[in-house]
All heavy atoms as atom14 arrays in JSON, in Angstrom:
{
  "sequence": "RFHQKIDASIYPQVHDFYEIMLTIEGTMEMELNGEKKTLSPGALFL",
  "atom14_mask": [
    [1, 1, 1, 1, 1, 1, 1, 1, 1, 1, 1, 0, 0, 0],
    [1, 1, 1, 1, 1, 1, 1, 1, 1, 1, 1, 0, 0, 0],
    [1, 1, 1, 1, 1, 1, 1, 1, 1, 1, 0, 0, 0, 0],
    [1, 1, 1, 1, 1, 1, 1, 1, 1, 0, 0, 0, 0, 0],
    [1, 1, 1, 1, 1, 1, 1, 1, 1, 0, 0, 0, 0, 0],
    [1, 1, 1, 1, 1, 1, 1, 1, 0, 0, 0, 0, 0, 0],
    [1, 1, 1, 1, 1, 1, 1, 1, 0, 0, 0, 0, 0, 0],
    [1, 1, 1, 1, 1, 0, 0, 0, 0, 0, 0, 0, 0, 0],
    [1, 1, 1, 1, 1, 1, 0, 0, 0, 0, 0, 0, 0, 0],
    [1, 1, 1, 1, 1, 1, 1, 1, 0, 0, 0, 0, 0, 0],
    [1, 1, 1, 1, 1, 1, 1, 1, 1, 1, 1, 1, 0, 0],
    [1, 1, 1, 1, 1, 1, 1, 0, 0, 0, 0, 0, 0, 0],
    [1, 1, 1, 1, 1, 1, 1, 1, 1, 0, 0, 0, 0, 0],
    [1, 1, 1, 1, 1, 1, 1, 0, 0, 0, 0, 0, 0, 0],
    [1, 1, 1, 1, 1, 1, 1, 1, 1, 1, 0, 0, 0, 0],
    [1, 1, 1, 1, 1, 1, 1, 1, 0, 0, 0, 0, 0, 0],
    [1, 1, 1, 1, 1, 1, 1, 1, 1, 1, 1, 0, 0, 0],
    [1, 1, 1, 1, 1, 1, 1, 1, 1, 1, 1, 1, 0, 0],
    [1, 1, 1, 1, 1, 1, 1, 1, 1, 0, 0, 0, 0, 0],
    [1, 1, 1, 1, 1, 1, 1, 1, 0, 0, 0, 0, 0, 0],
    [1, 1, 1, 1, 1, 1, 1, 1, 0, 0, 0, 0, 0, 0],
    [1, 1, 1, 1, 1, 1, 1, 1, 0, 0, 0, 0, 0, 0],
    [1, 1, 1, 1, 1, 1, 1, 0, 0, 0, 0, 0, 0, 0],
    [1, 1, 1, 1, 1, 1, 1, 1, 0, 0, 0, 0, 0, 0],
    [1, 1, 1, 1, 1, 1, 1, 1, 1, 0, 0, 0, 0, 0],
    [1, 1, 1, 1, 0, 0, 0, 0, 0, 0, 0, 0, 0, 0],
    [1, 1, 1, 1, 1, 1, 1, 0, 0, 0, 0, 0, 0, 0],
    [1, 1, 1, 1, 1, 1, 1, 1, 0, 0, 0, 0, 0, 0],
    [1, 1, 1, 1, 1, 1, 1, 1, 1, 0, 0, 0, 0, 0],
    [1, 1, 1, 1, 1, 1, 1, 1, 0, 0, 0, 0, 0, 0],
    [1, 1, 1, 1, 1, 1, 1, 1, 1, 0, 0, 0, 0, 0],
    [1, 1, 1, 1, 1, 1, 1, 1, 0, 0, 0, 0, 0, 0],
    [1, 1, 1, 1, 1, 1, 1, 1, 0, 0, 0, 0, 0, 0],
    [1, 1, 1, 1, 0, 0, 0, 0, 0, 0, 0, 0, 0, 0],
    [1, 1, 1, 1, 1, 1, 1, 1, 1, 0, 0, 0, 0, 0],
    [1, 1, 1, 1, 1, 1, 1, 1, 1, 0, 0, 0, 0, 0],
    [1, 1, 1, 1, 1, 1, 1, 1, 1, 0, 0, 0, 0, 0],
    [1, 1, 1, 1, 1, 1, 1, 0, 0, 0, 0, 0, 0, 0],
    [1, 1, 1, 1, 1, 1, 1, 1, 0, 0, 0, 0, 0, 0],
    [1, 1, 1, 1, 1, 1, 0, 0, 0, 0, 0, 0, 0, 0],
    [1, 1, 1, 1, 1, 1, 1, 0, 0, 0, 0, 0, 0, 0],
    [1, 1, 1, 1, 0, 0, 0, 0, 0, 0, 0, 0, 0, 0],
    [1, 1, 1, 1, 1, 0, 0, 0, 0, 0, 0, 0, 0, 0],
    [1, 1, 1, 1, 1, 1, 1, 1, 0, 0, 0, 0, 0, 0],
    [1, 1, 1, 1, 1, 1, 1, 1, 1, 1, 1, 0, 0, 0],
    [1, 1, 1, 1, 1, 1, 1, 1, 0, 0, 0, 0, 0, 0]
  ],
  "atom14_positions": [
    [[-102.61, 183.14, -44.78], [-103.01, 184.45, -45.27], [-104.23, 184.95, -44.5], [-105.17, 184.19, -44.26], [-103.34, 184.4, -46.75], [-103.64, 185.76, -47.33], [-103.62, 185.76, -48.82], [-104.06, 187.07, -49.29], [-104.53, 187.3, -50.49], [-104.62, 186.32, -51.35], [-104.92, 188.49, -50.83], [0.0, 0.0, 0.0], [0.0, 0.0, 0.0], [0.0, 0.0, 0.0]],
    [[-104.23, 186.23, -44.16], [-105.36, 186.89, -43.54], [-106.08, 187.67, -44.63], [-105.48, 188.52, -45.3], [-104.89, 187.84, -42.42], [-106.0, 188.6, -41.77], [-106.86, 187.96, -40.89], [-106.19, 189.94, -42.04], [-107.9, 188.66, -40.29], [-107.21, 190.65, -41.44], [-108.07, 190.0, -40.57], [0.0, 0.0, 0.0], [0.0, 0.0, 0.0], [0.0, 0.0, 0.0]],
    [[-107.36, 187.37, -44.85], [-108.16, 188.01, -45.91], [-109.15, 188.98, -45.28], [-109.85, 188.62, -44.34], [-108.95, 186.97, -46.7], [-108.12, 185.96, -47.41], [-107.75, 186.09, -48.72], [-107.6, 184.79, -46.98], [-107.04, 185.04, -49.08], [-106.93, 184.24, -48.04], [0.0, 0.0, 0.0], [0.0, 0.0, 0.0], [0.0, 0.0, 0.0], [0.0, 0.0, 0.0]],
    [[-109.25, 190.17, -45.84], [-110.22, 191.15, -45.37], [-111.35, 191.37, -46.37], [-112.24, 192.17, -46.12], [-109.54, 192.46, -45.02], [-108.61, 192.3, -43.82], [-107.99, 193.6, -43.41], [-107.3, 194.24, -44.19], [-108.24, 194.0, -42.18], [0.0, 0.0, 0.0], [0.0, 0.0, 0.0], [0.0, 0.0, 0.0], [0.0, 0.0, 0.0], [0.0, 0.0, 0.0]],
    [[-111.29, 190.68, -47.48], [-112.36, 190.73, -48.47], [-112.29, 189.46, -49.32], [-111.29, 188.74, -49.3], [-112.27, 191.97, -49.35], [-111.04, 192.03, -50.23], [-111.04, 193.28, -51.07], [-109.82, 193.24, -52.0], [-109.89, 194.25, -53.02], [0.0, 0.0, 0.0], [0.0, 0.0, 0.0], [0.0, 0.0, 0.0], [0.0, 0.0, 0.0], [0.0, 0.0, 0.0]],
    [[-113.35, 189.2, -50.04], [-113.42, 188.03, -50.91], [-113.42, 188.5, -52.35], [-114.26, 189.32, -52.74], [-114.67, 187.19, -50.6], [-114.58, 186.64, -49.17], [-114.84, 186.06, -51.61], [-115.82, 185.92, -48.68], [0.0, 0.0, 0.0], [0.0, 0.0, 0.0], [0.0, 0.0, 0.0], [0.0, 0.0, 0.0], [0.0, 0.0, 0.0], [0.0, 0.0, 0.0]],
    [[-112.49, 187.99, -53.14], [-112.4, 188.31, -54.56], [-113.25, 187.3, -55.33], [-112.81, 186.17, -55.57], [-110.94, 188.26, -55.01], [-110.75, 188.57, -56.48], [-111.76, 188.84, -57.19], [-109.6, 188.53, -56.94], [0.0, 0.0, 0.0], [0.0, 0.0, 0.0], [0.0, 0.0, 0.0], [0.0, 0.0, 0.0], [0.0, 0.0, 0.0], [0.0, 0.0, 0.0]],
    [[-114.46, 187.68, -55.7], [-115.39, 186.76, -56.38], [-114.86, 186.26, -57.72], [-115.29, 185.2, -58.19], [-116.73, 187.46, -56.57], [0.0, 0.0, 0.0], [0.0, 0.0, 0.0], [0.0, 0.0, 0.0], [0.0, 0.0, 0.0], [0.0, 0.0, 0.0], [0.0, 0.0, 0.0], [0.0, 0.0, 0.0], [0.0, 0.0, 0.0], [0.0, 0.0, 0.0]],
    [[-113.89, 186.96, -58.32], [-113.39, 186.56, -59.64], [-112.56, 185.28, -59.62], [-112.29, 184.72, -60.67], [-112.58, 187.7, -60.26], [-111.34, 187.86, -59.58], [0.0, 0.0, 0.0], [0.0, 0.0, 0.0], [0.0, 0.0, 0.0], [0.0, 0.0, 0.0], [0.0, 0.0, 0.0], [0.0, 0.0, 0.0], [0.0, 0.0, 0.0], [0.0, 0.0, 0.0]],
    [[-112.14, 184.8, -58.43], [-111.32, 183.59, -58.36], [-112.13, 182.35, -57.98], [-111.57, 181.29, -57.72], [-110.13, 183.76, -57.4], [-110.6, 183.99, -55.97], [-109.22, 184.89, -57.88], [-109.48, 183.93, -54.94], [0.0, 0.0, 0.0], [0.0, 0.0, 0.0], [0.0, 0.0, 0.0], [0.0, 0.0, 0.0], [0.0, 0.0, 0.0], [0.0, 0.0, 0.0]],
    [[-113.46, 182.48, -57.98], [-114.34, 181.36, -57.62], [-115.31, 181.08, -58.75], [-115.66, 181.98, -59.48], [-115.11, 181.68, -56.33], [-114.2, 181.84, -55.15], [-113.89, 183.1, -54.66], [-113.62, 180.74, -54.56], [-113.04, 183.25, -53.59], [-112.76, 180.89, -53.47], [-112.48, 182.14, -53.0], [-111.62, 182.29, -51.95], [0.0, 0.0, 0.0], [0.0, 0.0, 0.0]],
    [[-115.77, 179.83, -58.85], [-115.44, 178.66, -58.03], [-114.01, 178.2, -58.28], [-113.44, 178.47, -59.34], [-116.45, 177.6, -58.45], [-116.83, 177.97, -59.84], [-116.72, 179.47, -59.91], [0.0, 0.0, 0.0], [0.0, 0.0, 0.0], [0.0, 0.0, 0.0], [0.0, 0.0, 0.0], [0.0, 0.0, 0.0], [0.0, 0.0, 0.0], [0.0, 0.0, 0.0]],
    [[-113.46, 177.49, -57.29], [-112.1, 176.98, -57.43], [-111.99, 175.58, -56.86], [-112.84, 175.12, -56.11], [-111.06, 177.92, -56.8], [-111.1, 178.03, -55.32], [-109.99, 178.92, -54.77], [-109.38, 178.54, -53.79], [-109.72, 180.08, -55.34], [0.0, 0.0, 0.0], [0.0, 0.0, 0.0], [0.0, 0.0, 0.0], [0.0, 0.0, 0.0], [0.0, 0.0, 0.0]],
    [[-110.9, 174.94, -57.25], [-110.57, 173.6, -56.78], [-109.05, 173.55, -56.66], [-108.35, 174.23, -57.41], [-111.1, 172.51, -57.74], [-110.47, 172.6, -59.11], [-110.94, 171.12, -57.15], [0.0, 0.0, 0.0], [0.0, 0.0, 0.0], [0.0, 0.0, 0.0], [0.0, 0.0, 0.0], [0.0, 0.0, 0.0], [0.0, 0.0, 0.0], [0.0, 0.0, 0.0]],
    [[-108.53, 172.79, -55.69], [-107.08, 172.68, -55.58], [-106.65, 171.3, -55.13], [-107.48, 170.47, -54.78], [-106.46, 173.76, -54.7], [-107.28, 174.21, -53.53], [-107.49, 173.46, -52.41], [-107.94, 175.37, -53.34], [-108.23, 174.13, -51.56], [-108.53, 175.3, -52.09], [0.0, 0.0, 0.0], [0.0, 0.0, 0.0], [0.0, 0.0, 0.0], [0.0, 0.0, 0.0]],
    [[-105.34, 171.07, -55.18], [-104.76, 169.75, -54.89], [-104.17, 169.67, -53.49], [-103.28, 168.88, -53.23], [-103.72, 169.38, -55.96], [-102.53, 170.34, -56.02], [-102.54, 171.37, -55.3], [-101.6, 170.06, -56.79], [0.0, 0.0, 0.0], [0.0, 0.0, 0.0], [0.0, 0.0, 0.0], [0.0, 0.0, 0.0], [0.0, 0.0, 0.0], [0.0, 0.0, 0.0]],
    [[-104.66, 170.49, -52.57], [-104.17, 170.51, -51.18], [-105.34, 170.79, -50.24], [-106.4, 171.26, -50.67], [-103.06, 171.56, -50.99], [-103.44, 172.93, -51.47], [-104.07, 173.84, -50.62], [-103.17, 173.34, -52.77], [-104.42, 175.11, -51.05], [-103.5, 174.61, -53.22], [-104.13, 175.49, -52.36], [0.0, 0.0, 0.0], [0.0, 0.0, 0.0], [0.0, 0.0, 0.0]],
    [[-105.15, 170.47, -48.97], [-106.15, 170.78, -47.95], [-106.11, 172.27, -47.63], [-105.06, 172.89, -47.68], [-105.89, 169.99, -46.66], [-106.25, 168.54, -46.76], [-105.29, 167.6, -47.14], [-107.54, 168.1, -46.49], [-105.61, 166.26, -47.23], [-107.87, 166.76, -46.58], [-106.9, 165.84, -46.96], [-107.23, 164.52, -47.05], [0.0, 0.0, 0.0], [0.0, 0.0, 0.0]],
    [[-107.26, 172.81, -47.27], [-107.35, 174.21, -46.85], [-108.17, 174.26, -45.55], [-109.25, 173.67, -45.48], [-108.05, 175.04, -47.92], [-108.25, 176.48, -47.56], [-108.93, 177.26, -48.67], [-109.04, 176.78, -49.8], [-109.36, 178.39, -48.37], [0.0, 0.0, 0.0], [0.0, 0.0, 0.0], [0.0, 0.0, 0.0], [0.0, 0.0, 0.0], [0.0, 0.0, 0.0]],
    [[-107.64, 174.92, -44.56], [-108.37, 175.15, -43.31], [-108.65, 176.65, -43.24], [-107.74, 177.46, -43.42], [-107.55, 174.7, -42.09], [-107.26, 173.21, -42.18], [-108.29, 175.05, -40.8], [-106.28, 172.72, -41.14], [0.0, 0.0, 0.0], [0.0, 0.0, 0.0], [0.0, 0.0, 0.0], [0.0, 0.0, 0.0], [0.0, 0.0, 0.0], [0.0, 0.0, 0.0]],
    [[-109.9, 176.99, -42.99], [-110.31, 178.38, -42.98], [-111.03, 178.7, -41.68], [-111.88, 177.93, -41.23], [-111.24, 178.63, -44.16], [-111.63, 180.07, -44.32], [-113.03, 180.23, -45.41], [-114.31, 179.55, -44.4], [0.0, 0.0, 0.0], [0.0, 0.0, 0.0], [0.0, 0.0, 0.0], [0.0, 0.0, 0.0], [0.0, 0.0, 0.0], [0.0, 0.0, 0.0]],
    [[-110.69, 179.83, -41.07], [-111.33, 180.3, -39.85], [-111.96, 181.66, -40.11], [-111.27, 182.6, -40.51], [-110.3, 180.42, -38.72], [-110.78, 181.02, -37.41], [-111.83, 180.13, -36.75], [-109.6, 181.24, -36.46], [0.0, 0.0, 0.0], [0.0, 0.0, 0.0], [0.0, 0.0, 0.0], [0.0, 0.0, 0.0], [0.0, 0.0, 0.0], [0.0, 0.0, 0.0]],
    [[-113.27, 181.76, -39.91], [-113.97, 183.04, -40.06], [-113.69, 183.89, -38.82], [-113.91, 183.45, -37.71], [-115.49, 182.83, -40.22], [-115.71, 181.91, -41.28], [-116.19, 184.13, -40.53], [0.0, 0.0, 0.0], [0.0, 0.0, 0.0], [0.0, 0.0, 0.0], [0.0, 0.0, 0.0], [0.0, 0.0, 0.0], [0.0, 0.0, 0.0], [0.0, 0.0, 0.0]],
    [[-113.17, 185.09, -39.02], [-112.8, 185.98, -37.93], [-113.89, 187.0, -37.64], [-114.26, 187.22, -36.49], [-111.48, 186.73, -38.26], [-110.34, 185.75, -38.49], [-111.13, 187.74, -37.18], [-109.99, 184.92, -37.28], [0.0, 0.0, 0.0], [0.0, 0.0, 0.0], [0.0, 0.0, 0.0], [0.0, 0.0, 0.0], [0.0, 0.0, 0.0], [0.0, 0.0, 0.0]],
    [[-114.41, 187.63, -38.69], [-115.37, 188.71, -38.52], [-116.42, 188.63, -39.61], [-116.12, 188.26, -40.76], [-114.63, 190.06, -38.62], [-115.51, 191.26, -38.51], [-114.74, 192.57, -38.73], [-113.63, 192.54, -39.28], [-115.28, 193.6, -38.31], [0.0, 0.0, 0.0], [0.0, 0.0, 0.0], [0.0, 0.0, 0.0], [0.0, 0.0, 0.0], [0.0, 0.0, 0.0]],
    [[-117.65, 188.97, -39.29], [-118.72, 188.99, -40.27], [-119.22, 187.59, -40.59], [-118.95, 186.63, -39.89], [0.0, 0.0, 0.0], [0.0, 0.0, 0.0], [0.0, 0.0, 0.0], [0.0, 0.0, 0.0], [0.0, 0.0, 0.0], [0.0, 0.0, 0.0], [0.0, 0.0, 0.0], [0.0, 0.0, 0.0], [0.0, 0.0, 0.0], [0.0, 0.0, 0.0]],
    [[-119.96, 187.52, -41.68], [-120.58, 186.27, -42.09], [-120.28, 186.04, -43.57], [-120.21, 186.98, -44.34], [-122.11, 186.34, -41.87], [-122.35, 186.67, -40.51], [-122.78, 185.02, -42.18], [0.0, 0.0, 0.0], [0.0, 0.0, 0.0], [0.0, 0.0, 0.0], [0.0, 0.0, 0.0], [0.0, 0.0, 0.0], [0.0, 0.0, 0.0], [0.0, 0.0, 0.0]],
    [[-120.1, 184.77, -43.94], [-119.91, 184.44, -45.34], [-120.75, 183.23, -45.71], [-121.09, 182.42, -44.85], [-118.44, 184.2, -45.69], [-117.9, 182.85, -45.33], [-116.28, 182.51, -46.06], [-115.25, 183.61, -45.14], [0.0, 0.0, 0.0], [0.0, 0.0, 0.0], [0.0, 0.0, 0.0], [0.0, 0.0, 0.0], [0.0, 0.0, 0.0], [0.0, 0.0, 0.0]],
    [[-121.07, 183.16, -46.98], [-121.74, 181.98, -47.5], [-120.68, 181.15, -48.22], [-119.97, 181.67, -49.08], [-122.85, 182.39, -48.47], [-123.6, 181.2, -49.02], [-124.71, 181.64, -49.96], [-125.81, 181.92, -49.47], [-124.42, 181.72, -51.17], [0.0, 0.0, 0.0], [0.0, 0.0, 0.0], [0.0, 0.0, 0.0], [0.0, 0.0, 0.0], [0.0, 0.0, 0.0]],
    [[-120.57, 179.91, -47.85], [-119.6, 179.0, -48.45], [-120.39, 177.94, -49.22], [-121.32, 177.35, -48.67], [-118.78, 178.35, -47.33], [-117.67, 177.49, -47.8], [-116.32, 178.58, -48.3], [-115.08, 177.4, -48.63], [0.0, 0.0, 0.0], [0.0, 0.0, 0.0], [0.0, 0.0, 0.0], [0.0, 0.0, 0.0], [0.0, 0.0, 0.0], [0.0, 0.0, 0.0]],
    [[-120.04, 177.75, -50.48], [-120.65, 176.67, -51.25], [-119.57, 175.62, -51.48], [-118.5, 175.91, -52.01], [-121.2, 177.17, -52.58], [-121.92, 176.08, -53.33], [-122.67, 176.57, -54.55], [-122.98, 177.77, -54.64], [-122.94, 175.73, -55.43], [0.0, 0.0, 0.0], [0.0, 0.0, 0.0], [0.0, 0.0, 0.0], [0.0, 0.0, 0.0], [0.0, 0.0, 0.0]],
    [[-119.85, 174.4, -51.05], [-118.89, 173.3, -51.15], [-119.57, 172.14, -51.86], [-120.56, 171.58, -51.35], [-118.42, 172.87, -49.76], [-117.38, 171.76, -49.71], [-116.03, 172.28, -50.2], [-117.26, 171.21, -48.32], [0.0, 0.0, 0.0], [0.0, 0.0, 0.0], [0.0, 0.0, 0.0], [0.0, 0.0, 0.0], [0.0, 0.0, 0.0], [0.0, 0.0, 0.0]],
    [[-119.07, 171.82, -53.06], [-119.63, 170.72, -53.85], [-121.14, 170.84, -54.0], [-121.88, 169.86, -53.89], [-119.24, 169.37, -53.26], [-117.74, 169.17, -53.23], [-117.03, 169.57, -54.15], [-117.24, 168.57, -52.17], [0.0, 0.0, 0.0], [0.0, 0.0, 0.0], [0.0, 0.0, 0.0], [0.0, 0.0, 0.0], [0.0, 0.0, 0.0], [0.0, 0.0, 0.0]],
    [[-121.62, 172.07, -54.24], [-123.03, 172.31, -54.49], [-123.89, 172.53, -53.25], [-125.07, 172.84, -53.36], [0.0, 0.0, 0.0], [0.0, 0.0, 0.0], [0.0, 0.0, 0.0], [0.0, 0.0, 0.0], [0.0, 0.0, 0.0], [0.0, 0.0, 0.0], [0.0, 0.0, 0.0], [0.0, 0.0, 0.0], [0.0, 0.0, 0.0], [0.0, 0.0, 0.0]],
    [[-123.32, 172.38, -52.05], [-124.07, 172.57, -50.81], [-123.65, 173.88, -50.15], [-122.47, 174.12, -49.94], [-123.81, 171.41, -49.86], [-124.67, 171.42, -48.63], [-124.47, 170.19, -47.76], [-124.11, 169.12, -48.28], [-124.66, 170.32, -46.54], [0.0, 0.0, 0.0], [0.0, 0.0, 0.0], [0.0, 0.0, 0.0], [0.0, 0.0, 0.0], [0.0, 0.0, 0.0]],
    [[-124.64, 174.72, -49.8], [-124.35, 176.03, -49.2], [-124.39, 175.96, -47.68], [-125.25, 175.33, -47.1], [-125.34, 177.07, -49.69], [-125.16, 177.39, -51.17], [-126.1, 178.46, -51.62], [-125.89, 178.72, -53.11], [-126.78, 179.76, -53.61], [0.0, 0.0, 0.0], [0.0, 0.0, 0.0], [0.0, 0.0, 0.0], [0.0, 0.0, 0.0], [0.0, 0.0, 0.0]],
    [[-123.42, 176.66, -47.05], [-123.33, 176.78, -45.6], [-123.13, 178.26, -45.27], [-122.41, 178.95, -45.99], [-122.13, 176.0, -45.04], [-122.11, 174.53, -45.35], [-123.03, 173.79, -44.44], [-122.91, 172.3, -44.7], [-123.87, 171.54, -43.98], [0.0, 0.0, 0.0], [0.0, 0.0, 0.0], [0.0, 0.0, 0.0], [0.0, 0.0, 0.0], [0.0, 0.0, 0.0]],
    [[-123.71, 178.71, -44.18], [-123.47, 180.06, -43.69], [-122.5, 179.97, -42.53], [-122.73, 179.23, -41.58], [-124.79, 180.72, -43.24], [-125.69, 180.75, -44.36], [-124.55, 182.14, -42.77], [0.0, 0.0, 0.0], [0.0, 0.0, 0.0], [0.0, 0.0, 0.0], [0.0, 0.0, 0.0], [0.0, 0.0, 0.0], [0.0, 0.0, 0.0], [0.0, 0.0, 0.0]],
    [[-121.4, 180.71, -42.63], [-120.34, 180.68, -41.62], [-120.28, 182.02, -40.89], [-120.16, 183.07, -41.52], [-118.99, 180.38, -42.27], [-118.92, 179.13, -43.14], [-117.55, 179.01, -43.78], [-119.26, 177.89, -42.34], [0.0, 0.0, 0.0], [0.0, 0.0, 0.0], [0.0, 0.0, 0.0], [0.0, 0.0, 0.0], [0.0, 0.0, 0.0], [0.0, 0.0, 0.0]],
    [[-120.36, 181.97, -39.58], [-120.27, 183.17, -38.75], [-118.93, 183.17, -38.02], [-118.17, 182.2, -38.09], [-121.45, 183.23, -37.79], [-121.6, 182.02, -37.1], [0.0, 0.0, 0.0], [0.0, 0.0, 0.0], [0.0, 0.0, 0.0], [0.0, 0.0, 0.0], [0.0, 0.0, 0.0], [0.0, 0.0, 0.0], [0.0, 0.0, 0.0], [0.0, 0.0, 0.0]],
    [[-118.58, 184.24, -37.31], [-117.29, 184.31, -36.63], [-117.05, 183.1, -35.73], [-117.94, 182.65, -35.01], [-117.4, 185.6, -35.8], [-118.34, 186.44, -36.58], [-119.36, 185.48, -37.13], [0.0, 0.0, 0.0], [0.0, 0.0, 0.0], [0.0, 0.0, 0.0], [0.0, 0.0, 0.0], [0.0, 0.0, 0.0], [0.0, 0.0, 0.0], [0.0, 0.0, 0.0]],
    [[-115.84, 182.55, -35.83], [-115.46, 181.38, -35.07], [-115.64, 180.07, -35.82], [-115.18, 179.03, -35.36], [0.0, 0.0, 0.0], [0.0, 0.0, 0.0], [0.0, 0.0, 0.0], [0.0, 0.0, 0.0], [0.0, 0.0, 0.0], [0.0, 0.0, 0.0], [0.0, 0.0, 0.0], [0.0, 0.0, 0.0], [0.0, 0.0, 0.0], [0.0, 0.0, 0.0]],
    [[-116.29, 180.11, -36.97], [-116.49, 178.89, -37.75], [-115.17, 178.44, -38.36], [-114.43, 179.23, -38.94], [-117.51, 179.12, -38.86], [0.0, 0.0, 0.0], [0.0, 0.0, 0.0], [0.0, 0.0, 0.0], [0.0, 0.0, 0.0], [0.0, 0.0, 0.0], [0.0, 0.0, 0.0], [0.0, 0.0, 0.0], [0.0, 0.0, 0.0], [0.0, 0.0, 0.0]],
    [[-114.87, 177.18, -38.19], [-113.66, 176.56, -38.75], [-114.12, 175.6, -39.83], [-115.02, 174.78, -39.61], [-112.91, 175.82, -37.65], [-111.55, 175.23, -37.99], [-110.56, 176.35, -38.34], [-111.03, 174.42, -36.82], [0.0, 0.0, 0.0], [0.0, 0.0, 0.0], [0.0, 0.0, 0.0], [0.0, 0.0, 0.0], [0.0, 0.0, 0.0], [0.0, 0.0, 0.0]],
    [[-113.52, 175.68, -41.01], [-114.01, 174.94, -42.17], [-112.85, 174.23, -42.85], [-111.78, 174.83, -43.04], [-114.67, 175.93, -43.14], [-115.67, 175.33, -44.06], [-116.94, 175.01, -43.61], [-115.35, 175.08, -45.38], [-117.88, 174.47, -44.47], [-116.27, 174.55, -46.25], [-117.55, 174.23, -45.8], [0.0, 0.0, 0.0], [0.0, 0.0, 0.0], [0.0, 0.0, 0.0]],
    [[-113.01, 172.96, -43.19], [-111.99, 172.18, -43.88], [-112.42, 171.93, -45.32], [-113.54, 171.46, -45.57], [-111.76, 170.84, -43.18], [-110.81, 169.88, -43.89], [-109.38, 170.42, -43.89], [-110.85, 168.51, -43.22], [0.0, 0.0, 0.0], [0.0, 0.0, 0.0], [0.0, 0.0, 0.0], [0.0, 0.0, 0.0], [0.0, 0.0, 0.0], [0.0, 0.0, 0.0]]
  ]
}
């Protein structure tokens, strides 16, 4: 799926599968197990 916005109402979330995410444009803050990371374009996250 290609996302052009983040729906804050579906977070925090957890799932039973791996997810690979690639930041295409802009910057996002990702919180993973209580640790925050800033992701800029080109960031690949597992």
